[in-house]
Amino acid sequence: MKLATLKNGRRDGLLVVVNKALTKCVAVPEIAETLQYALDNWEKLEPQLNEVYIALNEGELTQEMTFSQLQCESPLPRAYQWADGSAYVNHVELVRKARGAEMPPSFWTDPLMYQGGSDAFIGPRDDIPLGSEEWGIDFEGEVAVVTGDVPMGASLEEAASAIKLVMLVNDVSLRGLIPNELGKGFGFFQSKPSSVFSPVAVTPDELGNDWDGGKLNLPLLSHYNNEPFGKPNAGVDMTFEFPQLVAHAAQTRPLSAGAIIGSGTVSNKQGTDHGTAISEGGVGYSCIAEVRMIETIRDGKPSTSFMKFGDRIKMEMLDSEGESIFGSIDQQVVKY
């Protein structure tokens, strides 16, 4: 099943069921007006929503509309919880190596996670407004899951069963602000502005064999200023799978329905110490920071700049038939 939220002048938008081809949709106010309401009552409403999804795909509905990704909010325009992990430890290792720091062994056994701002996500086709290019503007391509209610101290099995939806993320990062913030010992805040999620969120069963219960085994495609930038496989080099991340987040607190848990930047080693760009025959990267890290390791200093106003980033994921699964995040950075 595929779900999206359309802009309707209200804070939480209008829930629609979207067909598999991402061409048609239908509003379902008699079932749920918003995605959050559907998640709050998932056990009761999911079967009803799925019936609509089946009928929509079979062309049996008369109230269907043309689906426009331009009219989409992030599936949850705001959420009770947005916690982002760093499941691809290769990414973390690169960051530390670039500044000459050793990585603690615990990073391979205990997930990193930070609590992001969840009160104002950006729409997947909306501009990213930021105050200064000096902040070191970067994108980060990720996968995320949306959970139902998760009890405190959840087991891996409970965490896995709590995963209700899957979507893509552009976790916007301000690299120039990160060092001073982390130096204070309290973690990210100003350096992590509003994140962005794909137009469509899908149930795990919609992904077929590409979802193995813990990770999504497909390439995450990024185009930066209309040029191929990355296609790392989200199922490769993922040190911590989503049930582990969800259980980690719920170790000392319960998670409410609608909690979003991110994978962190998708990153593949590609058989080398630091990966390879697409132009050099590799699968590339999911953020500019990794390119700059490699340049620093190789050349002693970075040569690739972070994003400038007017730069554009596009992210999507295709199924085995080359069709977009989640729709595309496609955005321009602009001066606030």
Protein backbone atom coordinates (compact mmCIF):
# COMPACT_ATOMS: atom_id res chain seq x y z
CA MET A 1 0.00 0.00 0.00
CA LYS A 2 1.17 3.53 -0.80
CA LEU A 3 0.12 6.61 1.17
CA ALA A 4 0.78 10.33 0.78
CA THR A 5 -0.29 13.65 2.31
CA LEU A 6 -1.52 16.47 0.10
CA LYS A 7 -1.38 20.16 0.94
CA ASN A 8 -4.84 21.45 1.88
CA GLY A 9 -4.11 24.56 3.94
CA ARG A 10 -4.13 22.63 7.21
CA ARG A 11 -1.09 21.82 9.31
CA ASP A 12 -1.31 18.04 8.90
CA GLY A 13 -2.57 17.96 5.31
CA LEU A 14 -4.93 15.44 3.71
CA LEU A 15 -4.22 11.71 3.64
CA VAL A 16 -4.57 10.03 0.25
CA VAL A 17 -4.13 6.46 -0.93
CA VAL A 18 -1.88 6.38 -4.02
CA ASN A 19 -1.84 3.73 -6.73
CA LYS A 20 1.24 1.63 -7.43
CA ALA A 21 2.14 3.65 -10.53
CA LEU A 22 1.99 6.96 -8.60
CA THR A 23 -0.48 8.39 -11.13
CA LYS A 24 -3.80 8.31 -9.26
CA CYS A 25 -4.89 8.88 -5.67
CA VAL A 26 -8.04 9.05 -3.60
CA ALA A 27 -8.81 10.87 -0.37
CA VAL A 28 -10.32 8.74 2.39
CA PRO A 29 -11.78 11.15 4.99
CA GLU A 30 -14.37 8.56 5.98
CA ILE A 31 -11.47 6.36 7.14
CA ALA A 32 -8.78 8.87 8.15
CA GLU A 33 -8.22 12.51 7.27
CA THR A 34 -4.54 12.45 8.22
CA LEU A 35 -1.76 9.88 8.25
CA GLN A 36 -1.20 10.42 11.95
CA TYR A 37 -4.82 9.47 12.66
CA ALA A 38 -4.40 6.35 10.55
CA LEU A 39 -1.25 5.38 12.48
CA ASP A 40 -2.96 6.02 15.82
CA ASN A 41 -5.63 3.50 14.79
CA TRP A 42 -3.54 1.32 12.48
CA GLU A 43 -4.80 -2.13 13.47
CA LYS A 44 -8.38 -1.12 12.71
CA LEU A 45 -7.82 1.18 9.74
CA GLU A 46 -4.98 -0.50 7.81
CA PRO A 47 -7.29 -3.22 6.38
CA GLN A 48 -9.77 -0.54 5.26
CA LEU A 49 -7.05 1.53 3.63
CA ASN A 50 -5.69 -1.56 1.90
CA GLU A 51 -9.12 -2.32 0.43
CA VAL A 52 -9.13 1.18 -1.07
CA TYR A 53 -5.61 0.61 -2.41
CA ILE A 54 -6.63 -2.60 -4.14
CA ALA A 55 -9.74 -0.99 -5.64
CA LEU A 56 -7.73 2.03 -6.80
CA ASN A 57 -5.20 -0.15 -8.60
CA GLU A 58 -7.98 -2.13 -10.26
CA GLY A 59 -9.66 1.05 -11.51
CA GLU A 60 -12.84 0.47 -9.53
CA LEU A 61 -13.10 3.93 -7.90
CA THR A 62 -14.94 6.86 -9.42
CA GLN A 63 -13.63 9.50 -6.98
CA GLU A 64 -9.96 9.08 -7.90
CA MET A 65 -7.80 12.11 -8.67
CA THR A 66 -4.59 12.65 -10.60
CA PHE A 67 -1.69 12.31 -8.16
CA SER A 68 0.73 15.24 -8.20
CA GLN A 69 3.97 14.98 -6.25
CA LEU A 70 4.21 18.77 -6.45
CA GLN A 71 1.21 18.97 -4.11
CA CYS A 72 2.69 16.67 -1.47
CA GLU A 73 3.75 17.42 2.03
CA SER A 74 6.19 15.02 3.62
CA PRO A 75 3.93 12.02 4.47
CA LEU A 76 3.93 13.22 8.08
CA PRO A 77 4.21 17.03 7.87
CA ARG A 78 5.11 16.91 11.56
CA ALA A 79 5.71 13.96 13.87
CA TYR A 80 5.83 13.20 17.57
CA GLN A 81 9.32 11.73 17.14
CA TRP A 82 12.13 11.90 14.57
CA ALA A 83 15.26 10.02 15.63
CA ASP A 84 18.04 9.48 13.13
CA GLY A 85 20.57 6.72 13.49
CA SER A 86 23.90 6.19 11.80
CA ALA A 87 23.56 2.59 10.69
CA TYR A 88 26.21 2.78 7.97
CA VAL A 89 29.30 2.85 10.14
CA ASN A 90 31.46 3.28 7.05
CA HIS A 91 30.10 6.84 6.89
CA VAL A 92 31.03 7.49 10.53
CA GLU A 93 34.47 5.97 10.05
CA LEU A 94 35.14 8.25 7.08
CA VAL A 95 34.11 11.36 9.02
CA ARG A 96 36.49 10.56 11.83
CA LYS A 97 39.33 9.42 9.58
CA ALA A 98 39.21 12.71 7.69
CA ARG A 99 39.97 14.60 10.88
CA GLY A 100 42.53 12.08 12.10
CA ALA A 101 40.37 10.58 14.85
CA GLU A 102 40.16 6.90 15.67
CA MET A 103 36.71 5.35 15.84
CA PRO A 104 35.81 3.74 19.18
CA PRO A 105 35.15 -0.03 18.83
CA SER A 106 31.74 0.46 20.48
CA PHE A 107 30.49 2.24 17.33
CA TRP A 108 30.29 -1.20 15.69
CA THR A 109 28.09 -2.64 18.42
CA ASP A 110 26.07 0.27 19.85
CA PRO A 111 24.10 2.46 17.38
CA LEU A 112 24.62 6.19 17.17
CA MET A 113 21.36 8.16 17.23
CA TYR A 114 20.25 11.76 17.64
CA GLN A 115 16.83 13.30 18.17
CA GLY A 116 15.97 15.60 15.26
CA GLY A 117 13.47 18.41 14.91
CA SER A 118 10.12 16.86 14.07
CA ASP A 119 7.73 19.81 14.25
CA ALA A 120 8.18 21.24 10.73
CA PHE A 121 9.27 18.89 7.94
CA ILE A 122 9.68 20.29 4.43
CA GLY A 123 7.64 19.04 1.47
CA PRO A 124 9.53 16.81 -0.99
CA ARG A 125 9.25 19.32 -3.87
CA ASP A 126 9.53 22.49 -1.77
CA ASP A 127 12.58 24.73 -1.60
CA ILE A 128 15.02 24.35 1.28
CA PRO A 129 15.31 27.86 2.79
CA LEU A 130 18.52 28.54 4.71
CA GLY A 131 20.20 31.63 6.02
CA SER A 132 23.78 31.36 4.79
CA GLU A 133 25.98 29.37 2.43
CA GLU A 134 28.68 29.70 5.09
CA TRP A 135 26.82 27.15 7.19
CA GLY A 136 28.12 24.33 4.96
CA ILE A 137 24.85 23.15 3.41
CA ASP A 138 24.72 19.43 2.67
CA PHE A 139 22.15 16.76 1.79
CA GLU A 140 22.07 13.25 3.23
CA GLY A 141 20.21 10.46 1.45
CA GLU A 142 18.64 7.98 3.84
CA VAL A 143 15.87 5.44 4.36
CA ALA A 144 13.43 5.78 7.27
CA VAL A 145 10.67 3.74 8.86
CA VAL A 146 7.51 4.89 10.62
CA THR A 147 6.42 2.89 13.62
CA GLY A 148 3.25 2.13 15.48
CA ASP A 149 3.33 2.21 19.27
CA VAL A 150 6.53 0.64 20.59
CA PRO A 151 6.79 -0.34 24.28
CA MET A 152 9.80 0.69 26.33
CA GLY A 153 12.43 -2.04 26.28
CA ALA A 154 10.99 -3.60 23.12
CA SER A 155 12.61 -6.78 21.84
CA LEU A 156 13.92 -6.99 18.29
CA GLU A 157 10.83 -8.97 17.34
CA GLU A 158 8.52 -6.32 18.82
CA ALA A 159 10.51 -3.58 17.11
CA ALA A 160 10.30 -5.34 13.74
CA SER A 161 6.54 -5.83 14.01
CA ALA A 162 6.10 -2.15 14.91
CA ILE A 163 7.44 -0.99 11.51
CA LYS A 164 4.38 0.17 9.56
CA LEU A 165 5.78 2.31 6.74
CA VAL A 166 9.01 2.93 4.83
CA MET A 167 10.10 6.14 3.08
CA LEU A 168 13.15 8.09 1.92
CA VAL A 169 14.81 11.04 3.67
CA ASN A 170 16.91 14.05 2.83
CA ASP A 171 18.41 14.80 6.22
CA VAL A 172 19.61 18.35 5.56
CA SER A 173 22.82 19.08 7.46
CA LEU A 174 24.81 22.25 8.10
CA ARG A 175 28.36 20.94 8.25
CA GLY A 176 29.91 24.25 9.22
CA LEU A 177 27.85 24.42 12.41
CA ILE A 178 28.36 20.83 13.52
CA PRO A 179 31.87 20.99 15.08
CA ASN A 180 31.06 23.79 17.54
CA GLU A 181 27.77 22.18 18.51
CA LEU A 182 29.30 18.77 19.12
CA GLY A 183 32.12 20.47 21.02
CA LYS A 184 29.58 21.66 23.58
CA GLY A 185 28.77 18.03 24.39
CA PHE A 186 25.02 18.32 23.87
CA GLY A 187 24.76 17.14 20.25
CA PHE A 188 23.04 18.50 17.14
CA PHE A 189 20.46 21.27 17.15
CA GLN A 190 21.06 24.29 14.91
CA SER A 191 23.19 22.16 12.59
CA LYS A 192 20.22 19.92 11.77
CA PRO A 193 17.44 22.05 10.21
CA SER A 194 14.13 20.68 8.91
CA SER A 195 14.37 17.31 7.18
CA VAL A 196 12.53 16.20 4.05
CA PHE A 197 10.74 12.93 3.28
CA SER A 198 9.69 11.29 0.02
CA PRO A 199 6.23 12.10 -1.40
CA VAL A 200 5.02 8.56 -0.70
CA ALA A 201 5.36 6.21 2.26
CA VAL A 202 4.80 2.51 1.60
CA THR A 203 3.96 -0.52 3.71
CA PRO A 204 6.77 -3.08 3.92
CA ASP A 205 4.77 -5.71 2.00
CA GLU A 206 4.69 -3.35 -0.98
CA LEU A 207 8.48 -3.76 -1.29
CA GLY A 208 8.31 -7.52 -1.84
CA ASN A 209 11.61 -9.36 -1.57
CA ASP A 210 13.53 -6.08 -1.55
CA TRP A 211 12.47 -5.67 2.09
CA ASP A 212 13.88 -8.50 4.21
CA GLY A 213 12.34 -7.42 7.50
CA GLY A 214 15.34 -5.40 8.54
CA LYS A 215 16.60 -3.39 5.60
CA LEU A 216 15.73 -2.26 2.09
CA ASN A 217 17.94 -3.89 -0.52
CA LEU A 218 17.83 -1.35 -3.35
CA PRO A 219 20.09 1.48 -4.56
CA LEU A 220 19.32 4.99 -3.35
CA LEU A 221 19.74 7.25 -6.36
CA SER A 222 20.94 10.84 -5.97
CA HIS A 223 21.30 13.46 -8.71
CA TYR A 224 23.07 16.68 -7.76
CA ASN A 225 22.50 19.57 -10.16
CA ASN A 226 21.17 17.04 -12.68
CA GLU A 227 24.33 14.91 -12.57
CA PRO A 228 24.49 11.35 -11.11
CA PHE A 229 25.98 11.61 -7.64
CA GLY A 230 25.22 8.35 -5.84
CA LYS A 231 23.62 4.94 -6.15
CA PRO A 232 24.77 3.02 -3.05
CA ASN A 233 22.64 0.05 -2.10
CA ALA A 234 20.73 0.64 1.14
CA GLY A 235 20.98 -3.05 2.00
CA VAL A 236 24.78 -3.18 1.78
CA ASP A 237 27.14 -2.29 4.65
CA MET A 238 24.21 -1.53 6.98
CA THR A 239 25.73 -2.36 10.36
CA PHE A 240 22.49 -1.88 12.30
CA GLU A 241 19.19 -2.92 10.74
CA PHE A 242 15.92 -1.12 11.40
CA PRO A 243 14.63 -3.42 14.20
CA GLN A 244 17.89 -2.75 16.05
CA LEU A 245 17.49 1.00 15.54
CA VAL A 246 13.87 0.98 16.71
CA ALA A 247 14.72 -1.14 19.76
CA HIS A 248 17.63 1.19 20.54
CA ALA A 249 15.34 4.23 20.42
CA ALA A 250 12.83 2.48 22.71
CA GLN A 251 15.34 1.14 25.23
CA THR A 252 14.49 3.68 27.94
CA ARG A 253 11.22 5.19 26.66
CA PRO A 254 8.16 4.10 24.67
CA LEU A 255 7.68 5.36 21.12
CA SER A 256 4.30 6.67 20.06
CA ALA A 257 2.60 5.74 16.81
CA GLY A 258 4.04 7.89 14.04
CA ALA A 259 7.61 7.87 15.35
CA ILE A 260 10.13 8.12 12.50
CA ILE A 261 13.46 6.31 12.74
CA GLY A 262 16.14 7.07 10.14
CA SER A 263 18.99 4.92 8.89
CA GLY A 264 21.59 7.63 8.61
CA THR A 265 23.46 8.34 5.38
CA VAL A 266 23.48 5.34 3.05
CA SER A 267 27.14 4.51 2.44
CA ASN A 268 28.90 1.58 0.73
CA LYS A 269 32.57 0.72 1.13
CA GLN A 270 32.72 -0.67 -2.43
CA GLY A 271 35.70 -2.87 -1.60
CA THR A 272 37.97 0.09 -0.80
CA ASP A 273 38.84 2.12 2.26
CA HIS A 274 36.61 4.96 1.22
CA GLY A 275 34.40 4.14 -1.78
CA THR A 276 34.49 5.40 -5.33
CA ALA A 277 32.68 8.11 -7.27
CA ILE A 278 30.26 7.19 -10.07
CA SER A 279 32.56 8.93 -12.55
CA GLU A 280 35.30 6.50 -11.48
CA GLY A 281 33.13 3.41 -11.85
CA GLY A 282 31.83 3.20 -8.27
CA VAL A 283 28.41 3.67 -6.72
CA GLY A 284 29.14 7.16 -5.45
CA TYR A 285 27.84 8.76 -2.28
CA SER A 286 24.74 10.07 -0.53
CA CYS A 287 26.21 13.32 0.81
CA ILE A 288 28.86 15.89 -0.11
CA ALA A 289 30.67 15.42 3.18
CA GLU A 290 31.87 11.94 2.18
CA VAL A 291 33.37 13.30 -1.04
CA ARG A 292 35.17 16.00 0.95
CA MET A 293 36.40 13.41 3.45
CA ILE A 294 37.90 11.32 0.67
CA GLU A 295 39.55 14.37 -0.86
CA THR A 296 41.00 15.23 2.55
CA ILE A 297 42.32 11.69 3.05
CA ARG A 298 43.72 11.53 -0.49
CA ASP A 299 44.87 15.11 -1.13
CA GLY A 300 45.21 16.64 2.32
CA LYS A 301 42.30 19.04 1.84
CA PRO A 302 38.79 19.05 0.34
CA SER A 303 38.15 20.58 -3.08
CA THR A 304 34.40 20.01 -3.50
CA SER A 305 32.26 22.81 -2.07
CA PHE A 306 29.05 22.38 -0.13
CA MET A 307 25.72 23.45 -1.63
CA LYS A 308 25.14 26.99 -2.88
CA PHE A 309 21.86 28.82 -3.27
CA GLY A 310 20.26 27.57 -6.47
CA ASP A 311 21.79 24.08 -6.24
CA ARG A 312 19.35 21.18 -6.66
CA ILE A 313 19.25 17.67 -5.17
CA LYS A 314 17.02 14.82 -6.35
CA MET A 315 16.64 11.46 -4.58
CA GLU A 316 14.56 8.41 -5.44
CA MET A 317 14.53 4.62 -5.46
CA LEU A 318 13.42 2.39 -8.34
CA ASP A 319 11.96 -1.11 -8.26
CA SER A 320 13.17 -4.01 -10.41
CA GLU A 321 11.09 -2.72 -13.32
CA GLY A 322 12.62 0.75 -13.12
CA GLU A 323 9.52 2.37 -11.63
CA SER A 324 9.76 4.90 -8.80
CA ILE A 325 8.64 3.42 -5.49
CA PHE A 326 8.39 6.48 -3.25
CA GLY A 327 8.29 9.28 -5.80
CA SER A 328 11.19 11.71 -5.77
CA ILE A 329 12.58 14.28 -3.40
CA ASP A 330 13.54 17.10 -5.76
CA GLN A 331 14.55 20.40 -4.19
CA GLN A 332 16.48 23.61 -4.59
CA VAL A 333 18.37 25.41 -1.83
CA VAL A 334 17.30 29.07 -1.54
CA LYS A 335 18.16 32.07 0.59
CA TYR A 336 15.83 32.44 3.58
